[in-house]
Amino acid sequence: MYLEIITPEKKLFAGEIELVKLPGTGGSFEVLMNHAATISTLMAGKIKVKEFNGKLSYFDIQGGVVEVVNNSIIILVDTAGLV
């Protein structure tokens, strides 16, 4: 799957991943290969990204929105106020 995490200021991440865990407003959820097409809002929390080499990355967000279509994930996030 290809993931992009974008803020109004910059791109935080772009690359091929194994899974992403997101803080959805209805509860946290994971996206894996061949996930159903989805659009969801995100609340404040952490995004967890696992790459194929096993590397884990975490991104603190204040909220946002995610779109999943055909193994392509775009996450637009707000990081304002985070250090």
N, C-alpha and C. Protein backbone atom coordinates (compact mmCIF):
# COMPACT_ATOMS: atom_id res chain seq x y z
N MET A 1 0.84 -1.17 0.00
CA MET A 1 0.00 0.00 0.00
C MET A 1 0.89 1.24 0.00
N TYR A 2 0.39 2.28 -0.60
CA TYR A 2 1.13 3.54 -0.62
C TYR A 2 0.43 4.54 0.29
N LEU A 3 1.19 5.15 1.19
CA LEU A 3 0.64 6.09 2.16
C LEU A 3 1.29 7.45 2.02
N GLU A 4 0.45 8.49 2.11
CA GLU A 4 0.92 9.87 2.23
C GLU A 4 0.24 10.50 3.43
N ILE A 5 1.04 11.13 4.30
CA ILE A 5 0.52 11.91 5.42
C ILE A 5 0.92 13.35 5.16
N ILE A 6 -0.08 14.23 5.04
CA ILE A 6 0.16 15.60 4.62
C ILE A 6 -0.45 16.58 5.63
N THR A 7 0.31 17.62 5.98
CA THR A 7 -0.18 18.73 6.80
C THR A 7 -0.31 19.94 5.89
N PRO A 8 -0.90 21.03 6.36
CA PRO A 8 -0.93 22.25 5.53
C PRO A 8 0.47 22.78 5.23
N GLU A 9 1.45 22.45 6.07
CA GLU A 9 2.80 22.98 5.89
C GLU A 9 3.73 22.07 5.09
N LYS A 10 3.58 20.75 5.24
CA LYS A 10 4.54 19.83 4.60
C LYS A 10 4.01 18.41 4.54
N LYS A 11 4.74 17.58 3.81
CA LYS A 11 4.44 16.16 3.74
C LYS A 11 5.24 15.47 4.86
N LEU A 12 4.54 14.78 5.78
CA LEU A 12 5.21 14.11 6.89
C LEU A 12 5.75 12.73 6.51
N PHE A 13 5.04 12.05 5.60
CA PHE A 13 5.45 10.70 5.23
C PHE A 13 4.92 10.39 3.84
N ALA A 14 5.71 9.63 3.08
CA ALA A 14 5.27 9.10 1.79
C ALA A 14 6.05 7.83 1.54
N GLY A 15 5.34 6.74 1.28
CA GLY A 15 6.04 5.50 0.98
C GLY A 15 5.14 4.28 1.08
N GLU A 16 5.73 3.14 0.76
CA GLU A 16 5.03 1.86 0.82
C GLU A 16 5.01 1.36 2.26
N ILE A 17 3.85 0.88 2.69
CA ILE A 17 3.70 0.42 4.07
C ILE A 17 2.97 -0.92 4.13
N GLU A 18 3.07 -1.55 5.31
CA GLU A 18 2.36 -2.80 5.57
C GLU A 18 1.01 -2.52 6.24
N LEU A 19 1.00 -1.57 7.20
CA LEU A 19 -0.24 -1.20 7.87
C LEU A 19 -0.14 0.19 8.45
N VAL A 20 -1.32 0.78 8.70
CA VAL A 20 -1.40 2.07 9.39
C VAL A 20 -2.55 1.98 10.38
N LYS A 21 -2.31 2.45 11.62
CA LYS A 21 -3.34 2.49 12.65
C LYS A 21 -3.69 3.95 12.89
N LEU A 22 -5.00 4.23 12.89
CA LEU A 22 -5.48 5.61 12.91
C LEU A 22 -6.44 5.86 14.08
N PRO A 23 -6.41 7.08 14.64
CA PRO A 23 -7.35 7.44 15.71
C PRO A 23 -8.67 7.99 15.14
N GLY A 24 -9.52 7.11 14.67
CA GLY A 24 -10.79 7.54 14.09
C GLY A 24 -11.72 8.14 15.14
N THR A 25 -12.61 9.02 14.70
CA THR A 25 -13.53 9.65 15.65
C THR A 25 -14.52 8.63 16.23
N GLY A 26 -14.72 7.52 15.55
CA GLY A 26 -15.58 6.45 16.06
C GLY A 26 -14.79 5.35 16.73
N GLY A 27 -13.50 5.57 16.94
CA GLY A 27 -12.61 4.56 17.53
C GLY A 27 -11.43 4.30 16.62
N SER A 28 -10.35 3.81 17.19
CA SER A 28 -9.15 3.57 16.37
C SER A 28 -9.38 2.38 15.44
N PHE A 29 -8.70 2.41 14.29
CA PHE A 29 -8.82 1.32 13.33
C PHE A 29 -7.53 1.20 12.53
N GLU A 30 -7.32 0.00 11.96
CA GLU A 30 -6.14 -0.26 11.13
C GLU A 30 -6.56 -0.43 9.69
N VAL A 31 -5.65 -0.07 8.80
CA VAL A 31 -5.85 -0.29 7.37
C VAL A 31 -4.73 -1.22 6.91
N LEU A 32 -5.14 -2.34 6.30
CA LEU A 32 -4.21 -3.32 5.74
C LEU A 32 -4.44 -3.42 4.23
N MET A 33 -3.60 -4.19 3.56
CA MET A 33 -3.72 -4.39 2.11
C MET A 33 -5.14 -4.82 1.74
N ASN A 34 -5.64 -4.27 0.66
CA ASN A 34 -6.97 -4.58 0.10
C ASN A 34 -8.12 -4.17 1.01
N HIS A 35 -7.92 -3.15 1.82
CA HIS A 35 -8.98 -2.62 2.69
C HIS A 35 -10.09 -2.02 1.82
N ALA A 36 -11.30 -2.10 2.30
CA ALA A 36 -12.43 -1.51 1.58
C ALA A 36 -12.23 0.00 1.45
N ALA A 37 -12.76 0.57 0.39
CA ALA A 37 -12.69 2.02 0.20
C ALA A 37 -13.35 2.70 1.39
N THR A 38 -12.65 3.72 1.93
CA THR A 38 -13.10 4.35 3.17
C THR A 38 -12.75 5.83 3.16
N ILE A 39 -13.63 6.64 3.73
CA ILE A 39 -13.32 8.02 4.08
C ILE A 39 -13.76 8.17 5.52
N SER A 40 -12.86 8.70 6.37
CA SER A 40 -13.17 8.82 7.79
C SER A 40 -12.51 10.06 8.37
N THR A 41 -13.13 10.62 9.40
CA THR A 41 -12.53 11.72 10.14
C THR A 41 -11.66 11.14 11.26
N LEU A 42 -10.65 11.92 11.64
CA LEU A 42 -9.72 11.50 12.68
C LEU A 42 -9.75 12.48 13.83
N MET A 43 -9.56 11.96 15.04
CA MET A 43 -9.48 12.83 16.21
C MET A 43 -8.03 12.94 16.66
N ALA A 44 -7.79 13.75 17.67
CA ALA A 44 -6.44 13.91 18.20
C ALA A 44 -5.91 12.56 18.68
N GLY A 45 -4.65 12.30 18.39
CA GLY A 45 -4.03 11.04 18.80
C GLY A 45 -2.78 10.78 18.01
N LYS A 46 -2.41 9.49 17.92
CA LYS A 46 -1.20 9.08 17.20
C LYS A 46 -1.55 8.22 16.00
N ILE A 47 -0.86 8.46 14.91
CA ILE A 47 -0.91 7.58 13.75
C ILE A 47 0.30 6.66 13.86
N LYS A 48 0.07 5.35 13.73
CA LYS A 48 1.16 4.36 13.76
C LYS A 48 1.32 3.81 12.35
N VAL A 49 2.55 3.85 11.84
CA VAL A 49 2.85 3.36 10.50
C VAL A 49 3.87 2.23 10.61
N LYS A 50 3.57 1.08 10.00
CA LYS A 50 4.52 -0.04 9.96
C LYS A 50 4.93 -0.27 8.52
N GLU A 51 6.23 -0.11 8.26
CA GLU A 51 6.76 -0.35 6.93
C GLU A 51 7.08 -1.84 6.77
N PHE A 52 7.32 -2.27 5.54
CA PHE A 52 7.58 -3.68 5.27
C PHE A 52 8.86 -4.19 5.92
N ASN A 53 9.82 -3.29 6.16
CA ASN A 53 11.07 -3.71 6.81
C ASN A 53 10.93 -3.79 8.33
N GLY A 54 9.70 -3.56 8.84
CA GLY A 54 9.45 -3.65 10.27
C GLY A 54 9.58 -2.33 11.01
N LYS A 55 10.07 -1.30 10.34
CA LYS A 55 10.24 0.01 10.98
C LYS A 55 8.88 0.59 11.35
N LEU A 56 8.78 1.08 12.61
CA LEU A 56 7.56 1.72 13.08
C LEU A 56 7.80 3.22 13.19
N SER A 57 6.81 4.01 12.76
CA SER A 57 6.85 5.46 12.89
C SER A 57 5.54 5.91 13.52
N TYR A 58 5.62 6.97 14.32
CA TYR A 58 4.44 7.51 14.99
C TYR A 58 4.33 9.00 14.69
N PHE A 59 3.11 9.47 14.46
CA PHE A 59 2.87 10.87 14.16
C PHE A 59 1.73 11.37 15.05
N ASP A 60 1.99 12.41 15.86
CA ASP A 60 0.96 13.03 16.69
C ASP A 60 0.14 13.98 15.84
N ILE A 61 -1.19 13.88 15.96
CA ILE A 61 -2.07 14.76 15.19
C ILE A 61 -3.14 15.36 16.10
N GLN A 62 -3.70 16.47 15.67
CA GLN A 62 -4.82 17.11 16.37
C GLN A 62 -6.15 16.71 15.75
N GLY A 63 -6.12 16.09 14.60
CA GLY A 63 -7.32 15.69 13.89
C GLY A 63 -7.04 15.65 12.41
N GLY A 64 -8.02 15.21 11.63
CA GLY A 64 -7.82 15.17 10.19
C GLY A 64 -8.85 14.31 9.50
N VAL A 65 -8.48 13.88 8.30
CA VAL A 65 -9.36 13.04 7.49
C VAL A 65 -8.49 12.06 6.70
N VAL A 66 -9.01 10.86 6.47
CA VAL A 66 -8.29 9.84 5.71
C VAL A 66 -9.17 9.32 4.58
N GLU A 67 -8.53 9.04 3.45
CA GLU A 67 -9.21 8.41 2.32
C GLU A 67 -8.40 7.18 1.92
N VAL A 68 -9.09 6.04 1.81
CA VAL A 68 -8.46 4.79 1.39
C VAL A 68 -9.15 4.32 0.12
N VAL A 69 -8.39 4.17 -0.98
CA VAL A 69 -8.93 3.71 -2.25
C VAL A 69 -7.87 2.90 -2.98
N ASN A 70 -8.18 1.67 -3.33
CA ASN A 70 -7.29 0.83 -4.14
C ASN A 70 -5.86 0.78 -3.60
N ASN A 71 -5.71 0.48 -2.31
CA ASN A 71 -4.41 0.36 -1.66
C ASN A 71 -3.59 1.64 -1.69
N SER A 72 -4.27 2.77 -1.81
CA SER A 72 -3.64 4.09 -1.72
C SER A 72 -4.33 4.84 -0.58
N ILE A 73 -3.53 5.36 0.35
CA ILE A 73 -4.06 6.03 1.52
C ILE A 73 -3.53 7.46 1.56
N ILE A 74 -4.43 8.42 1.67
CA ILE A 74 -4.04 9.81 1.84
C ILE A 74 -4.64 10.29 3.15
N ILE A 75 -3.77 10.82 4.02
CA ILE A 75 -4.21 11.34 5.30
C ILE A 75 -3.87 12.82 5.36
N LEU A 76 -4.89 13.66 5.51
CA LEU A 76 -4.70 15.10 5.68
C LEU A 76 -4.87 15.38 7.15
N VAL A 77 -3.82 15.94 7.79
CA VAL A 77 -3.85 16.09 9.24
C VAL A 77 -3.55 17.52 9.67
N ASP A 78 -4.02 17.83 10.88
CA ASP A 78 -3.72 19.09 11.54
C ASP A 78 -2.76 18.78 12.68
N THR A 79 -1.60 19.41 12.68
CA THR A 79 -0.62 19.22 13.75
C THR A 79 -0.43 20.51 14.54
N ALA A 80 -1.28 21.51 14.31
CA ALA A 80 -1.14 22.81 14.98
C ALA A 80 -1.16 22.62 16.50
N GLY A 81 -0.25 23.29 17.15
CA GLY A 81 -0.18 23.23 18.60
C GLY A 81 0.66 22.11 19.15
N LEU A 82 1.10 21.20 18.29
CA LEU A 82 1.95 20.09 18.73
C LEU A 82 3.40 20.47 18.62
N VAL A 83 4.20 19.97 19.53
CA VAL A 83 5.63 20.27 19.51
C VAL A 83 6.38 19.12 18.88
